Amino acid sequence: MNVLSPSLAASSGMADVIGEDGKIVVPADVEEAIRTLIRWSGDQPEREGLLDTPKRVARAWREYCSGYAQDPGLHLSRTFEEVGGYDEVVLLRDIPFQSHCEHHMAPITGTASIAYLPRDRVVGISKLARVLHGFAQRLQVQERLTAEVAQCIWDNLKPHGVAVVIEAQHGCMTGRGVRTHGVGMVTSRMLGCFLDDASSRKEVLALMGRG
């Protein structure tokens, strides 16, 4: 168990301190920062309904950003070489995810479709979703998230090709600013055969429902 003082843990970015109740001990400076934000927003952190809000917010954000504590590529370390001669596209479609944008820290919610063309080995399909969530649970921009997921699969599985398409709505656009609801942003990253060969790209996009 980490025995650093809560304040030191906050400023150094080191491991969390766990209390006797099994919950993360929220560093004092983090709590005070959230109280300051509440005051700046126009409310009083001392009122009954907000007394425990700083702790709740801090613990929620630790969960939202849990991807910083992991290497998503490790999810792809266990592979299977016996695939019964299968040499076609492997696709996991419409995986729901949530992230937060690095500009306004507003929610990003959407779905991702991830495909690869294996080269002798495959990975358990749940691992593709874990890679996505590992990168999504960080402060992100959608373009980088798309590229990071694709590059991670490319580097670790070394397949013939990788295709990632993400469609998401951004709270910084729907809840503030232009307040345009129902608008989805689409990004894609193609690597290998899906980048170089038009027919392969057309096939995988059709499988994703985007043909």
Protein backbone atom coordinates (compact mmCIF):
# COMPACT_ATOMS: atom_id res chain seq x y z
CA MET A 1 0.00 0.00 0.00
CA ASN A 2 1.30 3.44 -0.88
CA VAL A 3 1.97 5.54 2.23
CA LEU A 4 2.79 8.86 0.59
CA SER A 5 0.98 11.85 2.00
CA PRO A 6 -2.15 12.70 -0.02
CA SER A 7 -0.72 16.06 -1.06
CA LEU A 8 2.53 14.49 -2.30
CA ALA A 9 0.62 11.82 -4.19
CA ALA A 10 -1.39 14.48 -5.98
CA SER A 11 1.56 16.62 -6.99
CA SER A 12 3.84 13.75 -8.02
CA GLY A 13 1.32 11.69 -9.99
CA MET A 14 2.34 8.57 -8.05
CA ALA A 15 0.14 5.70 -6.92
CA ASP A 16 -3.10 6.35 -5.07
CA VAL A 17 -3.42 6.10 -1.31
CA ILE A 18 -6.17 3.68 -0.31
CA GLY A 19 -8.12 4.32 2.89
CA GLU A 20 -9.47 1.82 5.40
CA ASP A 21 -12.83 1.91 3.61
CA GLY A 22 -11.16 0.67 0.43
CA LYS A 23 -11.69 3.96 -1.38
CA ILE A 24 -9.07 6.28 -2.82
CA VAL A 25 -7.99 8.94 -0.34
CA VAL A 26 -8.52 12.20 -2.19
CA PRO A 27 -5.51 14.54 -1.81
CA ALA A 28 -6.30 17.76 0.05
CA ASP A 29 -5.12 19.99 -2.78
CA VAL A 30 -7.39 18.19 -5.24
CA GLU A 31 -10.41 18.65 -2.96
CA GLU A 32 -9.62 22.33 -2.54
CA ALA A 33 -9.25 22.81 -6.28
CA ILE A 34 -12.74 21.41 -6.83
CA ARG A 35 -14.15 23.61 -4.05
CA THR A 36 -12.57 26.60 -5.78
CA LEU A 37 -14.24 25.61 -9.05
CA ILE A 38 -17.62 25.31 -7.31
CA ARG A 39 -17.22 28.79 -5.81
CA TRP A 40 -16.13 30.21 -9.16
CA SER A 41 -19.22 28.64 -10.76
CA GLY A 42 -21.41 30.61 -8.36
CA ASP A 43 -22.31 28.06 -5.68
CA GLN A 44 -21.13 27.37 -2.14
CA PRO A 45 -19.16 24.15 -1.50
CA GLU A 46 -20.08 24.41 2.20
CA ARG A 47 -23.79 23.81 1.62
CA GLU A 48 -25.11 20.36 2.53
CA GLY A 49 -25.64 19.04 -0.98
CA LEU A 50 -22.08 19.87 -2.00
CA LEU A 51 -20.12 18.86 1.10
CA ASP A 52 -18.95 15.53 -0.33
CA THR A 53 -18.94 16.63 -3.96
CA PRO A 54 -15.18 17.34 -4.15
CA LYS A 55 -14.36 13.75 -3.11
CA ARG A 56 -16.94 12.31 -5.49
CA VAL A 57 -15.70 14.41 -8.40
CA ALA A 58 -12.07 13.53 -7.73
CA ARG A 59 -12.78 9.79 -7.57
CA ALA A 60 -14.91 9.98 -10.70
CA TRP A 61 -12.11 11.72 -12.57
CA ARG A 62 -9.60 9.15 -11.40
CA GLU A 63 -11.84 6.55 -13.06
CA TYR A 64 -12.43 8.64 -16.18
CA CYS A 65 -8.65 8.92 -16.62
CA SER A 66 -7.71 5.39 -15.59
CA GLY A 67 -6.11 4.82 -18.99
CA TYR A 68 -3.01 6.72 -17.90
CA ALA A 69 -2.22 3.89 -15.49
CA GLN A 70 -2.11 1.20 -18.18
CA ASP A 71 -0.33 0.23 -21.37
CA PRO A 72 -3.11 -0.73 -23.81
CA GLY A 73 -0.65 -2.71 -25.90
CA LEU A 74 -0.31 -5.29 -23.13
CA HIS A 75 -3.85 -6.45 -23.91
CA LEU A 76 -2.50 -7.75 -27.22
CA SER A 77 0.40 -9.73 -25.77
CA ARG A 78 -1.47 -13.05 -25.78
CA THR A 79 -2.24 -14.24 -29.30
CA PHE A 80 -3.45 -17.44 -30.96
CA GLU A 81 -1.71 -18.94 -33.96
CA GLU A 82 -4.22 -21.74 -34.58
CA VAL A 83 -7.01 -20.06 -36.54
CA GLY A 84 -8.14 -22.98 -38.71
CA GLY A 85 -6.75 -21.45 -41.86
CA TYR A 86 -8.79 -18.26 -41.44
CA ASP A 87 -7.18 -15.45 -43.40
CA GLU A 88 -9.94 -12.87 -43.77
CA VAL A 89 -10.86 -9.67 -41.93
CA VAL A 90 -11.50 -9.73 -38.18
CA LEU A 91 -13.89 -6.94 -37.21
CA LEU A 92 -15.39 -5.74 -33.94
CA ARG A 93 -18.11 -3.28 -34.85
CA ASP A 94 -19.89 -0.46 -33.00
CA ILE A 95 -17.98 -0.68 -29.69
CA PRO A 96 -19.41 1.96 -27.32
CA PHE A 97 -16.92 4.16 -25.49
CA GLN A 98 -16.68 7.35 -23.49
CA SER A 99 -13.79 9.77 -23.22
CA HIS A 100 -13.20 13.44 -22.35
CA CYS A 101 -11.81 16.11 -24.64
CA GLU A 102 -8.55 17.71 -23.63
CA HIS A 103 -9.75 21.19 -24.58
CA HIS A 104 -12.82 21.56 -22.35
CA MET A 105 -12.72 18.23 -20.42
CA ALA A 106 -16.25 17.67 -21.75
CA PRO A 107 -17.57 14.17 -22.51
CA ILE A 108 -16.97 12.44 -25.81
CA THR A 109 -19.39 9.55 -26.38
CA GLY A 110 -19.48 7.34 -29.41
CA THR A 111 -18.76 4.02 -31.06
CA ALA A 112 -15.71 2.55 -32.72
CA SER A 113 -15.32 -0.17 -35.33
CA ILE A 114 -11.94 -1.89 -35.32
CA ALA A 115 -10.74 -4.33 -37.98
CA TYR A 116 -7.50 -6.06 -38.87
CA LEU A 117 -6.37 -8.60 -41.44
CA PRO A 118 -4.35 -11.18 -39.47
CA ARG A 119 -0.88 -12.32 -40.33
CA ASP A 120 -0.72 -15.87 -38.86
CA ARG A 121 -2.11 -14.91 -35.44
CA VAL A 122 -5.20 -13.42 -33.88
CA VAL A 123 -6.16 -11.98 -30.50
CA GLY A 124 -9.24 -12.48 -28.34
CA ILE A 125 -11.92 -10.09 -29.59
CA SER A 126 -12.48 -8.51 -26.18
CA LYS A 127 -8.88 -7.28 -26.31
CA LEU A 128 -9.71 -4.91 -29.16
CA ALA A 129 -12.30 -3.23 -26.96
CA ARG A 130 -9.82 -3.07 -24.09
CA VAL A 131 -7.29 -1.31 -26.30
CA LEU A 132 -9.94 1.24 -27.26
CA HIS A 133 -10.94 1.89 -23.65
CA GLY A 134 -7.31 2.10 -22.53
CA PHE A 135 -6.74 5.04 -24.85
CA ALA A 136 -10.23 6.53 -24.44
CA GLN A 137 -9.89 6.79 -20.65
CA ARG A 138 -7.52 9.72 -21.01
CA LEU A 139 -7.92 13.34 -22.00
CA GLN A 140 -8.23 13.03 -25.75
CA VAL A 141 -9.02 14.44 -29.14
CA GLN A 142 -10.88 12.08 -31.43
CA GLU A 143 -8.29 12.23 -34.19
CA ARG A 144 -5.50 11.11 -31.86
CA LEU A 145 -7.65 8.43 -30.24
CA THR A 146 -8.35 6.93 -33.67
CA ALA A 147 -4.68 6.98 -34.62
CA GLU A 148 -3.47 5.55 -31.29
CA VAL A 149 -5.84 2.58 -31.41
CA ALA A 150 -4.83 1.74 -34.98
CA GLN A 151 -1.10 2.14 -34.34
CA CYS A 152 -1.22 0.01 -31.19
CA ILE A 153 -2.81 -2.90 -33.07
CA TRP A 154 -0.42 -2.45 -35.98
CA ASP A 155 2.68 -2.44 -33.77
CA ASN A 156 1.67 -5.36 -31.56
CA LEU A 157 -0.09 -7.79 -33.92
CA LYS A 158 1.85 -6.88 -37.08
CA PRO A 159 -1.14 -7.71 -39.31
CA HIS A 160 -1.52 -7.14 -43.04
CA GLY A 161 -3.77 -4.18 -42.32
CA VAL A 162 -5.66 -2.24 -39.65
CA ALA A 163 -8.78 -0.10 -40.01
CA VAL A 164 -10.34 2.01 -37.25
CA VAL A 165 -13.43 4.19 -37.69
CA ILE A 166 -14.83 6.23 -34.80
CA GLU A 167 -18.05 8.24 -34.70
CA ALA A 168 -18.69 10.36 -31.62
CA GLN A 169 -20.57 13.30 -30.21
CA HIS A 170 -18.68 15.97 -28.30
CA GLY A 171 -20.07 17.66 -25.21
CA CYS A 172 -18.02 20.76 -25.94
CA MET A 173 -20.21 21.21 -29.03
CA THR A 174 -23.57 19.88 -27.82
CA GLY A 175 -23.57 21.39 -24.31
CA ARG A 176 -21.88 24.73 -24.94
CA GLY A 177 -20.87 27.00 -27.79
CA VAL A 178 -23.05 26.30 -30.83
CA ARG A 179 -25.10 23.72 -28.83
CA THR A 180 -25.65 21.54 -31.89
CA HIS A 181 -27.24 18.27 -30.74
CA GLY A 182 -27.19 15.04 -32.67
CA VAL A 183 -24.12 15.87 -34.75
CA GLY A 184 -21.53 13.11 -34.98
CA MET A 185 -17.88 13.49 -35.91
CA VAL A 186 -16.32 10.65 -37.92
CA THR A 187 -12.60 9.88 -38.04
CA SER A 188 -10.73 6.97 -39.60
CA ARG A 189 -7.24 5.54 -39.74
CA MET A 190 -6.18 2.94 -42.30
CA LEU A 191 -2.85 1.13 -42.20
CA GLY A 192 -1.25 -1.52 -44.39
CA CYS A 193 -3.44 -3.11 -47.04
CA PHE A 194 -6.47 -1.02 -46.05
CA LEU A 195 -4.47 2.10 -46.84
CA ASP A 196 -2.65 0.85 -49.93
CA ASP A 197 -5.34 -1.22 -51.65
CA ALA A 198 -8.63 0.44 -52.61
CA SER A 199 -10.58 -2.83 -52.89
CA SER A 200 -9.49 -3.96 -49.41
CA ARG A 201 -10.46 -0.58 -48.00
CA LYS A 202 -13.84 -0.74 -49.73
CA GLU A 203 -14.44 -4.24 -48.33
CA VAL A 204 -13.66 -3.34 -44.73
CA LEU A 205 -15.75 -0.17 -44.85
CA ALA A 206 -18.66 -2.21 -46.21
CA LEU A 207 -18.29 -4.68 -43.33
CA MET A 208 -18.38 -1.72 -40.94
CA GLY A 209 -21.63 -0.57 -42.55
CA ARG A 210 -19.97 2.40 -44.20
CA GLY A 211 -19.69 1.08 -47.74
